[in-house]
Amino acid sequence: MSRPPEGYGRIAGIDFGTVRCGIAVTDPERRLASPYGTCTRAGLTADANWFRQLIQQEQIVQFVVGLPIHLSGQESPKSREARRFGQWLAETTGLPVTFFDERYTSVEAADLLRQSQVRGKRRRARMDMVAAQILLTAYLESTQLPGGRSEPLDDPAEGSPKA
């Protein structure tokens, strides 16, 4: 299978969690992000199979992993977990992984679901994938900035951008 042209192909956004990850995907032209589903973490082998199946079914060419950053801009232990997950995902799938600031995505997702009058178990079930959609939408908007590229978040431990 040949690779799509640069700037074309579906991107999957991931709201990382140790128990489950919310997933959103773009259309092939990368204009719109839509909630996709939730990956309930079940061990490295099961998770690898889940993400490989996602790639095949949805023709994913890139991942964007949400990076939880403190308001101060500092990273946390959760940030380091997300970075380790992203590194594992890149090694496991062979696809590029970009990290993107996910501050406020869960708050925004909760507000949207509340405004939509989604309640109880349905709200909890949709929260992670809506947060992933918000993250991915923000990423897409950032790529529309002058120069057409978003800046990856630096890994303070390495002092260089991660992509």
C-alpha atoms as a PDB file:
ATOM      1  CA  MET A   1       0.000   0.000   0.000  1.00  0.00           C
ATOM      2  CA  SER A   2       1.467   3.400  -0.941  1.00  0.00           C
ATOM      3  CA  ARG A   3       1.600   6.266   1.524  1.00  0.00           C
ATOM      4  CA  PRO A   4      -0.809   9.157   0.966  1.00  0.00           C
ATOM      5  CA  PRO A   5       0.575  12.559  -0.070  1.00  0.00           C
ATOM      6  CA  GLU A   6       1.877  14.884   2.684  1.00  0.00           C
ATOM      7  CA  GLY A   7      -1.017  16.582   4.469  1.00  0.00           C
ATOM      8  CA  TYR A   8      -3.486  13.882   3.468  1.00  0.00           C
ATOM      9  CA  GLY A   9      -4.708  10.895   5.422  1.00  0.00           C
ATOM     10  CA  ARG A  10      -6.565  10.358   8.639  1.00  0.00           C
ATOM     11  CA  ILE A  11      -5.110  11.365  11.991  1.00  0.00           C
ATOM     12  CA  ALA A  12      -6.178   9.747  15.252  1.00  0.00           C
ATOM     13  CA  GLY A  13      -6.225  11.894  18.377  1.00  0.00           C
ATOM     14  CA  ILE A  14      -5.770  10.138  21.702  1.00  0.00           C
ATOM     15  CA  ASP A  15      -6.897  11.360  25.102  1.00  0.00           C
ATOM     16  CA  PHE A  16      -4.442   9.156  27.007  1.00  0.00           C
ATOM     17  CA  GLY A  17      -5.444   7.327  30.149  1.00  0.00           C
ATOM     18  CA  THR A  18      -4.040   4.399  32.078  1.00  0.00           C
ATOM     19  CA  VAL A  19      -7.463   2.686  32.176  1.00  0.00           C
ATOM     20  CA  ARG A  20      -8.872   3.833  28.832  1.00  0.00           C
ATOM     21  CA  CYS A  21      -7.996   6.136  25.959  1.00  0.00           C
ATOM     22  CA  GLY A  22     -10.510   8.280  24.151  1.00  0.00           C
ATOM     23  CA  ILE A  23     -10.075   8.234  20.380  1.00  0.00           C
ATOM     24  CA  ALA A  24     -11.106  10.744  17.718  1.00  0.00           C
ATOM     25  CA  VAL A  25     -10.295  10.630  14.002  1.00  0.00           C
ATOM     26  CA  THR A  26     -10.152  13.135  11.166  1.00  0.00           C
ATOM     27  CA  ASP A  27     -11.495  12.886   7.679  1.00  0.00           C
ATOM     28  CA  PRO A  28      -8.786  12.144   5.049  1.00  0.00           C
ATOM     29  CA  GLU A  29      -8.452  15.854   4.183  1.00  0.00           C
ATOM     30  CA  ARG A  30      -7.921  16.686   7.888  1.00  0.00           C
ATOM     31  CA  ARG A  31     -10.679  19.257   8.029  1.00  0.00           C
ATOM     32  CA  LEU A  32     -12.899  17.739  10.692  1.00  0.00           C
ATOM     33  CA  ALA A  33     -12.332  15.697  13.845  1.00  0.00           C
ATOM     34  CA  SER A  34     -15.037  13.303  15.022  1.00  0.00           C
ATOM     35  CA  PRO A  35     -15.334  11.153  18.140  1.00  0.00           C
ATOM     36  CA  TYR A  36     -14.471   7.561  17.318  1.00  0.00           C
ATOM     37  CA  GLY A  37     -14.562   5.460  20.471  1.00  0.00           C
ATOM     38  CA  THR A  38     -12.715   4.323  23.550  1.00  0.00           C
ATOM     39  CA  CYS A  39      -9.877   1.842  23.887  1.00  0.00           C
ATOM     40  CA  THR A  40     -10.096   0.089  27.238  1.00  0.00           C
ATOM     41  CA  ARG A  41      -6.526  -0.727  28.176  1.00  0.00           C
ATOM     42  CA  ALA A  42      -6.006  -4.493  28.437  1.00  0.00           C
ATOM     43  CA  GLY A  43      -2.231  -5.022  28.361  1.00  0.00           C
ATOM     44  CA  LEU A  44       0.441  -4.288  25.780  1.00  0.00           C
ATOM     45  CA  THR A  45      -0.451  -7.104  23.375  1.00  0.00           C
ATOM     46  CA  ALA A  46      -4.190  -6.369  23.387  1.00  0.00           C
ATOM     47  CA  ASP A  47      -3.574  -2.623  23.136  1.00  0.00           C
ATOM     48  CA  ALA A  48      -1.171  -3.123  20.204  1.00  0.00           C
ATOM     49  CA  ASN A  49      -3.776  -5.247  18.408  1.00  0.00           C
ATOM     50  CA  TRP A  50      -6.472  -2.614  19.058  1.00  0.00           C
ATOM     51  CA  PHE A  51      -4.364   0.222  17.618  1.00  0.00           C
ATOM     52  CA  ARG A  52      -3.215  -1.846  14.630  1.00  0.00           C
ATOM     53  CA  GLN A  53      -6.852  -2.656  13.858  1.00  0.00           C
ATOM     54  CA  LEU A  54      -7.731   1.055  14.155  1.00  0.00           C
ATOM     55  CA  ILE A  55      -4.960   1.905  11.676  1.00  0.00           C
ATOM     56  CA  GLN A  56      -6.185  -0.670   9.189  1.00  0.00           C
ATOM     57  CA  GLN A  57      -9.910   0.052   9.485  1.00  0.00           C
ATOM     58  CA  GLU A  58      -9.619   3.840   9.470  1.00  0.00           C
ATOM     59  CA  GLN A  59      -6.464   4.199   7.342  1.00  0.00           C
ATOM     60  CA  ILE A  60      -4.671   6.201  10.046  1.00  0.00           C
ATOM     61  CA  VAL A  61      -1.356   7.817   9.027  1.00  0.00           C
ATOM     62  CA  GLN A  62      -0.496   9.709  12.225  1.00  0.00           C
ATOM     63  CA  PHE A  63      -1.338   9.890  15.928  1.00  0.00           C
ATOM     64  CA  VAL A  64      -1.681  12.960  18.143  1.00  0.00           C
ATOM     65  CA  VAL A  65      -1.395  12.120  21.834  1.00  0.00           C
ATOM     66  CA  GLY A  66      -2.688  14.580  24.410  1.00  0.00           C
ATOM     67  CA  LEU A  67      -0.020  15.757  26.816  1.00  0.00           C
ATOM     68  CA  PRO A  68      -1.328  16.847  30.225  1.00  0.00           C
ATOM     69  CA  ILE A  69       0.517  20.036  31.129  1.00  0.00           C
ATOM     70  CA  HIS A  70       0.119  22.058  34.340  1.00  0.00           C
ATOM     71  CA  LEU A  71      -1.163  25.633  34.017  1.00  0.00           C
ATOM     72  CA  SER A  72       2.414  26.753  34.682  1.00  0.00           C
ATOM     73  CA  GLY A  73       3.526  24.915  31.541  1.00  0.00           C
ATOM     74  CA  GLN A  74       5.399  22.304  33.555  1.00  0.00           C
ATOM     75  CA  GLU A  75       4.981  18.617  32.900  1.00  0.00           C
ATOM     76  CA  SER A  76       3.747  16.149  35.483  1.00  0.00           C
ATOM     77  CA  PRO A  77       4.129  12.418  36.121  1.00  0.00           C
ATOM     78  CA  LYS A  78       1.032  11.970  33.883  1.00  0.00           C
ATOM     79  CA  SER A  79       2.861  13.852  31.128  1.00  0.00           C
ATOM     80  CA  ARG A  80       5.740  11.419  31.361  1.00  0.00           C
ATOM     81  CA  GLU A  81       3.281   8.486  31.222  1.00  0.00           C
ATOM     82  CA  ALA A  82       1.716   9.980  28.088  1.00  0.00           C
ATOM     83  CA  ARG A  83       5.161  10.399  26.520  1.00  0.00           C
ATOM     84  CA  ARG A  84       6.046   6.766  27.291  1.00  0.00           C
ATOM     85  CA  PHE A  85       2.722   5.675  25.793  1.00  0.00           C
ATOM     86  CA  GLY A  86       3.359   7.765  22.656  1.00  0.00           C
ATOM     87  CA  GLN A  87       6.829   6.303  22.264  1.00  0.00           C
ATOM     88  CA  TRP A  88       5.410   2.781  22.656  1.00  0.00           C
ATOM     89  CA  LEU A  89       2.660   3.586  20.126  1.00  0.00           C
ATOM     90  CA  ALA A  90       5.182   4.864  17.557  1.00  0.00           C
ATOM     91  CA  GLU A  91       7.403   1.802  18.010  1.00  0.00           C
ATOM     92  CA  THR A  92       4.436  -0.583  17.917  1.00  0.00           C
ATOM     93  CA  THR A  93       2.695   0.874  14.868  1.00  0.00           C
ATOM     94  CA  GLY A  94       5.514   2.483  12.906  1.00  0.00           C
ATOM     95  CA  LEU A  95       3.469   5.679  12.568  1.00  0.00           C
ATOM     96  CA  PRO A  96       4.517   9.165  13.624  1.00  0.00           C
ATOM     97  CA  VAL A  97       3.268  10.416  16.995  1.00  0.00           C
ATOM     98  CA  THR A  98       2.966  14.097  17.868  1.00  0.00           C
ATOM     99  CA  PHE A  99       2.272  15.360  21.384  1.00  0.00           C
ATOM    100  CA  PHE A 100      -0.166  18.230  21.820  1.00  0.00           C
ATOM    101  CA  ASP A 101      -1.219  20.231  24.875  1.00  0.00           C
ATOM    102  CA  GLU A 102      -4.480  18.859  26.208  1.00  0.00           C
ATOM    103  CA  ARG A 103      -5.158  21.378  28.995  1.00  0.00           C
ATOM    104  CA  TYR A 104      -8.880  21.830  29.586  1.00  0.00           C
ATOM    105  CA  THR A 105     -10.045  19.173  27.106  1.00  0.00           C
ATOM    106  CA  SER A 106     -11.768  17.098  29.790  1.00  0.00           C
ATOM    107  CA  VAL A 107     -13.411  20.201  31.273  1.00  0.00           C
ATOM    108  CA  GLU A 108     -14.616  21.274  27.825  1.00  0.00           C
ATOM    109  CA  ALA A 109     -15.874  17.758  27.088  1.00  0.00           C
ATOM    110  CA  ALA A 110     -17.805  17.658  30.375  1.00  0.00           C
ATOM    111  CA  ASP A 111     -19.351  21.067  29.626  1.00  0.00           C
ATOM    112  CA  LEU A 112     -20.375  20.025  26.106  1.00  0.00           C
ATOM    113  CA  LEU A 113     -21.938  16.791  27.312  1.00  0.00           C
ATOM    114  CA  ARG A 114     -23.736  18.595  30.131  1.00  0.00           C
ATOM    115  CA  GLN A 115     -25.090  21.187  27.681  1.00  0.00           C
ATOM    116  CA  SER A 116     -26.217  18.363  25.431  1.00  0.00           C
ATOM    117  CA  GLN A 117     -28.048  16.880  28.419  1.00  0.00           C
ATOM    118  CA  VAL A 118     -26.105  13.638  28.214  1.00  0.00           C
ATOM    119  CA  ARG A 119     -26.288  12.097  31.681  1.00  0.00           C
ATOM    120  CA  GLY A 120     -24.908   9.342  33.863  1.00  0.00           C
ATOM    121  CA  LYS A 121     -23.295   6.322  32.245  1.00  0.00           C
ATOM    122  CA  ARG A 122     -23.709   7.744  28.738  1.00  0.00           C
ATOM    123  CA  ARG A 123     -21.767  10.881  29.770  1.00  0.00           C
ATOM    124  CA  ARG A 124     -18.939   8.854  31.300  1.00  0.00           C
ATOM    125  CA  ALA A 125     -18.822   6.587  28.240  1.00  0.00           C
ATOM    126  CA  ARG A 126     -18.471   9.549  25.858  1.00  0.00           C
ATOM    127  CA  MET A 127     -16.241  11.828  27.933  1.00  0.00           C
ATOM    128  CA  ASP A 128     -12.860  10.481  26.776  1.00  0.00           C
ATOM    129  CA  MET A 129     -13.678  10.394  23.074  1.00  0.00           C
ATOM    130  CA  VAL A 130     -15.156  13.913  23.160  1.00  0.00           C
ATOM    131  CA  ALA A 131     -11.990  15.113  24.948  1.00  0.00           C
ATOM    132  CA  ALA A 132      -9.986  13.433  22.153  1.00  0.00           C
ATOM    133  CA  GLN A 133     -12.130  15.242  19.567  1.00  0.00           C
ATOM    134  CA  ILE A 134     -11.454  18.605  21.251  1.00  0.00           C
ATOM    135  CA  LEU A 135      -7.722  17.836  21.379  1.00  0.00           C
ATOM    136  CA  LEU A 136      -7.629  16.805  17.726  1.00  0.00           C
ATOM    137  CA  THR A 137      -9.660  19.834  16.623  1.00  0.00           C
ATOM    138  CA  ALA A 138      -7.217  22.139  18.431  1.00  0.00           C
ATOM    139  CA  TYR A 139      -4.314  20.328  16.761  1.00  0.00           C
ATOM    140  CA  LEU A 140      -5.912  20.703  13.321  1.00  0.00           C
ATOM    141  CA  GLU A 141      -6.533  24.403  13.949  1.00  0.00           C
ATOM    142  CA  SER A 142      -2.909  24.866  14.989  1.00  0.00           C
ATOM    143  CA  THR A 143      -1.743  23.384  11.685  1.00  0.00           C
ATOM    144  CA  GLN A 144      -3.679  26.132   9.900  1.00  0.00           C
ATOM    145  CA  LEU A 145      -1.403  28.780  11.437  1.00  0.00           C
ATOM    146  CA  PRO A 146       1.116  30.609   9.238  1.00  0.00           C
ATOM    147  CA  GLY A 147       3.660  28.104   8.062  1.00  0.00           C
ATOM    148  CA  GLY A 148       1.018  25.362   8.180  1.00  0.00           C
ATOM    149  CA  ARG A 149       2.626  23.358  10.988  1.00  0.00           C
ATOM    150  CA  SER A 150       2.126  23.048  14.683  1.00  0.00           C
ATOM    151  CA  GLU A 151       5.087  23.022  16.988  1.00  0.00           C
ATOM    152  CA  PRO A 152       5.551  19.764  18.875  1.00  0.00           C
ATOM    153  CA  LEU A 153       5.929  20.033  22.618  1.00  0.00           C
ATOM    154  CA  ASP A 154       9.526  19.790  23.742  1.00  0.00           C
ATOM    155  CA  ASP A 155      10.474  16.999  26.090  1.00  0.00           C
ATOM    156  CA  PRO A 156      12.204  18.867  28.916  1.00  0.00           C
ATOM    157  CA  ALA A 157      14.207  15.761  29.780  1.00  0.00           C
ATOM    158  CA  GLU A 158      15.752  15.713  26.316  1.00  0.00           C
ATOM    159  CA  GLY A 159      15.555  19.393  25.360  1.00  0.00           C
ATOM    160  CA  SER A 160      14.375  18.596  21.855  1.00  0.00           C
ATOM    161  CA  PRO A 161      11.003  18.404  20.104  1.00  0.00           C
ATOM    162  CA  LYS A 162       9.175  15.079  20.044  1.00  0.00           C
ATOM    163  CA  ALA A 163       7.278  14.104  16.955  1.00  0.00           C
END
